[in-house]
């Protein structure tokens, strides 16, 4: 018996783009960054989703969003221009879930500034003299 299943939780490295392939096959290639147990180490994995999953990715996700991706690993084999044989593992997506959208930097910075001002005002209001 063999078993080929992977589950990754990671962030999109760029906005996904849908592609119309041969025989009207719709697919979306994307890459996710997955942190290791050590905080300063990250792995990057290429993945491909088809059909409605590809359409979901393009319509609902953006760079930095946190995804759960479940699928199988498959090696792609090719020869480069020099004739050197190459291979790369790619995740073929069976299921995915958007876990968290990345907040725009401007909003989080502005919200943080407002909260800090409110805290400072509250502290000065509490001083009895």
N, C-alpha and C. Protein backbone atom coordinates (compact mmCIF):
# COMPACT_ATOMS: atom_id res chain seq x y z
N UNK A 1 0.85 -1.18 0.00
CA UNK A 1 0.00 0.00 0.00
C UNK A 1 0.90 1.25 0.00
N UNK A 2 0.52 2.25 -0.76
CA UNK A 2 1.24 3.52 -0.78
C UNK A 2 0.29 4.64 -0.38
N UNK A 3 0.88 5.72 0.09
CA UNK A 3 0.07 6.84 0.56
C UNK A 3 0.82 8.13 0.25
N UNK A 4 0.17 9.08 -0.39
CA UNK A 4 0.80 10.34 -0.77
C UNK A 4 -0.15 11.46 -0.41
N UNK A 5 0.05 12.06 0.75
CA UNK A 5 -0.81 13.16 1.20
C UNK A 5 0.03 14.14 2.00
N UNK A 6 -0.13 15.42 1.71
CA UNK A 6 0.55 16.47 2.45
C UNK A 6 -0.46 17.52 2.88
N UNK A 7 -0.18 18.14 4.01
CA UNK A 7 -1.00 19.24 4.50
C UNK A 7 -0.04 20.35 4.93
N UNK A 8 -0.22 21.52 4.35
CA UNK A 8 0.62 22.67 4.67
C UNK A 8 -0.27 23.83 5.11
N UNK A 9 0.23 24.61 6.05
CA UNK A 9 -0.37 25.89 6.39
C UNK A 9 0.72 26.93 6.15
N UNK A 10 0.42 27.86 5.24
CA UNK A 10 1.42 28.86 4.90
C UNK A 10 0.78 30.08 4.26
N UNK A 11 1.61 31.05 3.95
CA UNK A 11 1.14 32.30 3.35
C UNK A 11 1.45 32.35 1.86
N UNK A 12 0.50 32.89 1.10
CA UNK A 12 0.71 33.07 -0.34
C UNK A 12 1.86 34.04 -0.57
N UNK A 13 2.74 33.70 -1.51
CA UNK A 13 3.88 34.56 -1.79
C UNK A 13 3.56 35.66 -2.79
N UNK A 14 2.47 35.52 -3.54
CA UNK A 14 2.01 36.56 -4.47
C UNK A 14 0.56 36.30 -4.81
N UNK A 15 -0.10 37.27 -5.42
CA UNK A 15 -1.49 37.10 -5.82
C UNK A 15 -1.61 35.99 -6.86
N UNK A 16 -2.55 35.06 -6.67
CA UNK A 16 -2.72 33.99 -7.66
C UNK A 16 -3.33 34.51 -8.96
N UNK A 17 -2.97 33.86 -10.06
CA UNK A 17 -3.48 34.22 -11.38
C UNK A 17 -4.03 32.97 -12.03
N UNK A 18 -5.22 33.07 -12.60
CA UNK A 18 -5.85 31.92 -13.24
C UNK A 18 -5.34 31.79 -14.68
N UNK A 19 -5.20 30.55 -15.13
CA UNK A 19 -4.71 30.26 -16.48
C UNK A 19 -5.68 29.30 -17.14
N UNK A 20 -5.95 29.55 -18.41
CA UNK A 20 -6.78 28.64 -19.21
C UNK A 20 -5.84 27.74 -19.99
N UNK A 21 -5.83 26.47 -19.68
CA UNK A 21 -4.92 25.53 -20.32
C UNK A 21 -5.55 24.84 -21.51
N UNK A 22 -4.86 23.79 -21.96
CA UNK A 22 -5.37 22.99 -23.07
C UNK A 22 -6.68 22.33 -22.68
N UNK A 23 -7.51 22.09 -23.66
CA UNK A 23 -8.81 21.43 -23.44
C UNK A 23 -9.67 22.18 -22.42
N UNK A 24 -9.57 23.53 -22.41
CA UNK A 24 -10.35 24.38 -21.50
C UNK A 24 -10.18 24.03 -20.03
N UNK A 25 -9.02 23.56 -19.65
CA UNK A 25 -8.71 23.28 -18.26
C UNK A 25 -8.33 24.58 -17.57
N UNK A 26 -9.01 24.89 -16.48
CA UNK A 26 -8.70 26.08 -15.71
C UNK A 26 -7.83 25.68 -14.53
N UNK A 27 -6.71 26.40 -14.36
CA UNK A 27 -5.85 26.09 -13.22
C UNK A 27 -5.15 27.35 -12.73
N UNK A 28 -4.58 27.22 -11.54
CA UNK A 28 -3.88 28.34 -10.91
C UNK A 28 -2.65 27.79 -10.22
N UNK A 29 -1.49 28.25 -10.65
CA UNK A 29 -0.25 27.90 -9.97
C UNK A 29 0.04 28.96 -8.93
N UNK A 30 0.49 28.54 -7.76
CA UNK A 30 0.81 29.49 -6.70
C UNK A 30 1.90 28.91 -5.82
N UNK A 31 2.43 29.74 -4.95
CA UNK A 31 3.49 29.32 -4.05
C UNK A 31 3.12 29.75 -2.64
N UNK A 32 3.44 28.89 -1.66
CA UNK A 32 3.20 29.26 -0.27
C UNK A 32 4.50 29.18 0.52
N UNK A 33 4.61 30.08 1.47
CA UNK A 33 5.76 30.12 2.38
C UNK A 33 5.32 29.48 3.69
N UNK A 34 6.09 28.48 4.11
CA UNK A 34 5.76 27.73 5.32
C UNK A 34 6.93 27.85 6.29
N UNK A 35 6.65 28.39 7.47
CA UNK A 35 7.70 28.54 8.47
C UNK A 35 8.04 27.20 9.11
N UNK A 36 9.29 27.08 9.51
CA UNK A 36 9.74 25.90 10.24
C UNK A 36 9.60 26.18 11.74
N UNK A 37 9.99 25.20 12.54
CA UNK A 37 9.92 25.38 13.98
C UNK A 37 10.85 26.50 14.44
N UNK A 38 11.99 26.63 13.77
CA UNK A 38 12.87 27.75 14.07
C UNK A 38 12.28 28.97 13.36
N UNK A 39 12.11 30.05 14.07
CA UNK A 39 11.40 31.21 13.54
C UNK A 39 12.07 31.85 12.34
N UNK A 40 13.37 31.68 12.18
CA UNK A 40 14.08 32.36 11.10
C UNK A 40 14.23 31.51 9.85
N UNK A 41 13.54 30.37 9.77
CA UNK A 41 13.65 29.49 8.61
C UNK A 41 12.29 29.32 7.95
N UNK A 42 12.29 29.42 6.62
CA UNK A 42 11.06 29.30 5.84
C UNK A 42 11.31 28.43 4.62
N UNK A 43 10.34 27.60 4.28
CA UNK A 43 10.38 26.80 3.05
C UNK A 43 9.30 27.32 2.11
N UNK A 44 9.57 27.23 0.82
CA UNK A 44 8.62 27.67 -0.19
C UNK A 44 8.21 26.47 -1.03
N UNK A 45 6.89 26.32 -1.23
CA UNK A 45 6.37 25.19 -1.98
C UNK A 45 5.47 25.68 -3.11
N UNK A 46 5.69 25.13 -4.29
CA UNK A 46 4.83 25.42 -5.43
C UNK A 46 3.64 24.49 -5.38
N UNK A 47 2.48 25.01 -5.79
CA UNK A 47 1.25 24.22 -5.78
C UNK A 47 0.43 24.56 -7.02
N UNK A 48 -0.50 23.69 -7.34
CA UNK A 48 -1.40 23.92 -8.47
C UNK A 48 -2.80 23.46 -8.09
N UNK A 49 -3.77 24.33 -8.35
CA UNK A 49 -5.17 24.04 -8.09
C UNK A 49 -5.93 24.11 -9.41
N UNK A 50 -6.98 23.32 -9.53
CA UNK A 50 -7.75 23.25 -10.77
C UNK A 50 -9.21 23.65 -10.52
N UNK A 51 -9.88 24.05 -11.61
CA UNK A 51 -11.33 24.28 -11.60
C UNK A 51 -11.79 25.29 -10.57
N UNK A 52 -12.80 24.89 -9.79
CA UNK A 52 -13.42 25.82 -8.83
C UNK A 52 -12.44 26.25 -7.74
N UNK A 53 -11.51 25.39 -7.38
CA UNK A 53 -10.51 25.79 -6.38
C UNK A 53 -9.62 26.89 -6.92
N UNK A 54 -9.24 26.79 -8.18
CA UNK A 54 -8.43 27.83 -8.82
C UNK A 54 -9.21 29.15 -8.87
N UNK A 55 -10.47 29.07 -9.23
CA UNK A 55 -11.31 30.27 -9.30
C UNK A 55 -11.47 30.89 -7.91
N UNK A 56 -11.66 30.06 -6.89
CA UNK A 56 -11.77 30.55 -5.51
C UNK A 56 -10.51 31.31 -5.11
N UNK A 57 -9.35 30.75 -5.39
CA UNK A 57 -8.08 31.39 -5.04
C UNK A 57 -7.96 32.78 -5.67
N UNK A 58 -8.26 32.86 -6.95
CA UNK A 58 -8.09 34.13 -7.66
C UNK A 58 -9.07 35.19 -7.15
N UNK A 59 -10.30 34.79 -6.85
CA UNK A 59 -11.32 35.75 -6.42
C UNK A 59 -11.19 36.15 -4.95
N UNK A 60 -10.64 35.28 -4.11
CA UNK A 60 -10.74 35.50 -2.67
C UNK A 60 -9.42 35.63 -1.92
N UNK A 61 -8.29 35.45 -2.58
CA UNK A 61 -7.03 35.48 -1.85
C UNK A 61 -6.05 36.45 -2.48
N UNK A 62 -5.10 36.88 -1.66
CA UNK A 62 -4.06 37.80 -2.10
C UNK A 62 -2.76 37.45 -1.39
N UNK A 63 -1.69 38.04 -1.87
CA UNK A 63 -0.37 37.84 -1.26
C UNK A 63 -0.44 38.06 0.25
N UNK A 64 0.13 37.13 1.00
CA UNK A 64 0.18 37.24 2.45
C UNK A 64 -0.95 36.54 3.18
N UNK A 65 -2.01 36.15 2.48
CA UNK A 65 -3.12 35.44 3.12
C UNK A 65 -2.66 34.07 3.59
N UNK A 66 -3.21 33.63 4.72
CA UNK A 66 -2.86 32.34 5.30
C UNK A 66 -3.80 31.26 4.77
N UNK A 67 -3.22 30.20 4.20
CA UNK A 67 -4.00 29.11 3.61
C UNK A 67 -3.65 27.77 4.23
N UNK A 68 -4.63 26.90 4.31
CA UNK A 68 -4.39 25.49 4.58
C UNK A 68 -4.54 24.79 3.23
N UNK A 69 -3.52 24.06 2.83
CA UNK A 69 -3.52 23.37 1.54
C UNK A 69 -3.32 21.88 1.79
N UNK A 70 -4.22 21.07 1.26
CA UNK A 70 -4.11 19.61 1.36
C UNK A 70 -4.04 19.05 -0.04
N UNK A 71 -3.12 18.13 -0.26
CA UNK A 71 -2.99 17.55 -1.59
C UNK A 71 -1.97 16.44 -1.61
N UNK A 72 -1.42 16.21 -2.79
CA UNK A 72 -0.40 15.17 -2.97
C UNK A 72 0.81 15.78 -3.63
N UNK A 73 1.98 15.23 -3.33
CA UNK A 73 3.20 15.68 -3.98
C UNK A 73 3.42 14.90 -5.26
N UNK A 74 3.83 15.61 -6.29
CA UNK A 74 4.14 14.98 -7.56
C UNK A 74 5.40 15.64 -8.12
N UNK A 75 6.34 14.84 -8.56
CA UNK A 75 7.56 15.38 -9.16
C UNK A 75 7.32 15.73 -10.62
N UNK A 76 7.76 16.93 -10.98
CA UNK A 76 7.75 17.33 -12.38
C UNK A 76 9.16 17.14 -12.91
N UNK A 77 9.30 16.49 -14.03
CA UNK A 77 10.60 16.21 -14.64
C UNK A 77 10.71 16.96 -15.96
N UNK A 78 11.89 17.56 -16.22
CA UNK A 78 12.13 18.25 -17.48
C UNK A 78 13.63 18.36 -17.70
N UNK A 79 13.98 18.72 -18.91
CA UNK A 79 15.38 18.99 -19.25
C UNK A 79 15.52 20.47 -19.55
N UNK A 80 16.55 21.10 -18.97
CA UNK A 80 16.75 22.52 -19.22
C UNK A 80 17.41 22.73 -20.59
N UNK A 81 17.75 23.95 -20.91
CA UNK A 81 18.31 24.27 -22.23
C UNK A 81 19.62 23.56 -22.51
N UNK A 82 20.37 23.25 -21.46
CA UNK A 82 21.64 22.54 -21.62
C UNK A 82 21.45 21.03 -21.69
N UNK A 83 20.21 20.57 -21.55
CA UNK A 83 19.94 19.14 -21.57
C UNK A 83 20.06 18.47 -20.20
N UNK A 84 20.32 19.27 -19.17
CA UNK A 84 20.41 18.73 -17.82
C UNK A 84 19.02 18.37 -17.31
N UNK A 85 18.89 17.16 -16.78
CA UNK A 85 17.59 16.73 -16.25
C UNK A 85 17.34 17.42 -14.92
N UNK A 86 16.14 17.93 -14.78
CA UNK A 86 15.71 18.64 -13.57
C UNK A 86 14.44 18.01 -13.04
N UNK A 87 14.21 18.22 -11.75
CA UNK A 87 12.95 17.79 -11.17
C UNK A 87 12.58 18.70 -10.01
N UNK A 88 11.29 18.84 -9.78
CA UNK A 88 10.79 19.68 -8.70
C UNK A 88 9.49 19.07 -8.19
N UNK A 89 9.35 19.02 -6.88
CA UNK A 89 8.11 18.53 -6.28
C UNK A 89 7.08 19.66 -6.27
N UNK A 90 5.86 19.34 -6.59
CA UNK A 90 4.78 20.31 -6.62
C UNK A 90 3.57 19.70 -5.90
N UNK A 91 2.83 20.54 -5.18
CA UNK A 91 1.61 20.08 -4.51
C UNK A 91 0.46 20.17 -5.50
N UNK A 92 -0.23 19.07 -5.73
CA UNK A 92 -1.46 19.06 -6.51
C UNK A 92 -2.60 19.10 -5.50
N UNK A 93 -3.33 20.21 -5.48
CA UNK A 93 -4.29 20.52 -4.43
C UNK A 93 -5.55 19.66 -4.56
N UNK A 94 -5.93 19.05 -3.43
CA UNK A 94 -7.21 18.34 -3.33
C UNK A 94 -8.23 19.20 -2.59
N UNK A 95 -7.76 19.95 -1.59
CA UNK A 95 -8.63 20.81 -0.81
C UNK A 95 -7.81 21.98 -0.28
N UNK A 96 -8.49 23.11 -0.08
CA UNK A 96 -7.81 24.26 0.51
C UNK A 96 -8.82 25.07 1.30
N UNK A 97 -8.27 25.85 2.23
CA UNK A 97 -9.13 26.70 3.05
C UNK A 97 -8.39 28.00 3.37
N UNK A 98 -9.09 29.09 3.19
CA UNK A 98 -8.55 30.40 3.56
C UNK A 98 -8.70 30.55 5.06
N UNK A 99 -7.58 30.62 5.78
CA UNK A 99 -7.62 30.69 7.23
C UNK A 99 -7.66 32.13 7.75
N UNK A 100 -6.91 33.00 7.08
CA UNK A 100 -6.81 34.38 7.58
C UNK A 100 -6.34 35.29 6.46
N UNK A 101 -7.06 36.39 6.27
CA UNK A 101 -6.61 37.38 5.30
C UNK A 101 -5.59 38.29 5.96
N UNK A 102 -4.58 38.66 5.19
CA UNK A 102 -3.57 39.57 5.70
C UNK A 102 -4.15 40.97 5.73
N UNK A 103 -4.03 41.64 6.88
CA UNK A 103 -4.54 43.01 7.02
C UNK A 103 -3.61 43.96 6.27
N UNK A 104 -4.17 44.90 5.53
CA UNK A 104 -3.32 45.89 4.86
C UNK A 104 -2.48 46.64 5.89
N UNK A 105 -1.25 46.92 5.55
CA UNK A 105 -0.31 47.56 6.47
C UNK A 105 -0.83 48.92 6.91
N UNK A 106 -1.39 49.69 5.99
CA UNK A 106 -1.84 51.03 6.34
C UNK A 106 -2.93 51.00 7.40
N UNK A 107 -3.85 50.04 7.29
CA UNK A 107 -4.93 49.95 8.26
C UNK A 107 -4.38 49.59 9.63
N UNK A 108 -3.52 48.59 9.71
CA UNK A 108 -3.01 48.16 11.01
C UNK A 108 -2.16 49.24 11.66
N UNK A 109 -1.40 49.97 10.86
CA UNK A 109 -0.59 51.06 11.41
C UNK A 109 -1.50 52.16 11.92
N UNK A 110 -2.51 52.53 11.14
CA UNK A 110 -3.42 53.58 11.56
C UNK A 110 -4.20 53.17 12.81
N UNK A 111 -4.69 51.93 12.84
CA UNK A 111 -5.42 51.46 14.00
C UNK A 111 -4.53 51.48 15.23
N UNK A 112 -3.28 51.07 15.07
CA UNK A 112 -2.33 51.08 16.19
C UNK A 112 -2.10 52.48 16.71
N UNK A 113 -1.99 53.44 15.80
CA UNK A 113 -1.77 54.84 16.21
C UNK A 113 -2.98 55.36 16.96
N UNK A 114 -4.19 55.05 16.49
CA UNK A 114 -5.40 55.50 17.15
C UNK A 114 -5.49 54.88 18.54
N UNK A 115 -5.23 53.58 18.65
CA UNK A 115 -5.30 52.92 19.95
C UNK A 115 -4.30 53.51 20.92
N UNK A 116 -3.10 53.83 20.45
CA UNK A 116 -2.08 54.42 21.32
C UNK A 116 -2.54 55.79 21.81
N UNK A 117 -3.12 56.61 20.92
CA UNK A 117 -3.62 57.92 21.32
C UNK A 117 -4.74 57.78 22.36
N UNK A 118 -5.64 56.80 22.14
CA UNK A 118 -6.73 56.59 23.09
C UNK A 118 -6.19 56.16 24.45
N UNK A 119 -5.17 55.31 24.46
CA UNK A 119 -4.58 54.86 25.72
C UNK A 119 -3.92 56.02 26.45
N UNK A 120 -3.19 56.85 25.71
CA UNK A 120 -2.53 58.00 26.33
C UNK A 120 -3.56 58.97 26.91
N UNK A 121 -4.66 59.20 26.19
CA UNK A 121 -5.72 60.09 26.66
C UNK A 121 -6.35 59.52 27.91
N UNK A 122 -6.58 58.21 27.92
CA UNK A 122 -7.19 57.57 29.06
C UNK A 122 -6.29 57.67 30.29
N UNK A 123 -4.99 57.53 30.11
CA UNK A 123 -4.04 57.63 31.21
C UNK A 123 -4.05 59.04 31.78
N UNK A 124 -4.02 60.05 30.91
CA UNK A 124 -4.01 61.44 31.40
C UNK A 124 -5.34 61.80 32.03
N UNK A 125 -6.45 61.24 31.58
CA UNK A 125 -7.76 61.50 32.17
C UNK A 125 -7.86 60.90 33.57
N UNK A 126 -7.13 59.83 33.84
CA UNK A 126 -7.19 59.15 35.13
C UNK A 126 -6.36 59.85 36.20
N UNK A 127 -5.48 60.76 35.79
CA UNK A 127 -4.64 61.47 36.76
C UNK A 127 -5.49 62.52 37.46
N UNK A 128 -5.55 62.47 38.81
CA UNK A 128 -6.46 63.36 39.53
C UNK A 128 -6.03 64.81 39.63
N UNK A 129 -4.85 65.20 39.24
CA UNK A 129 -4.40 66.59 39.37
C UNK A 129 -4.00 67.18 38.07
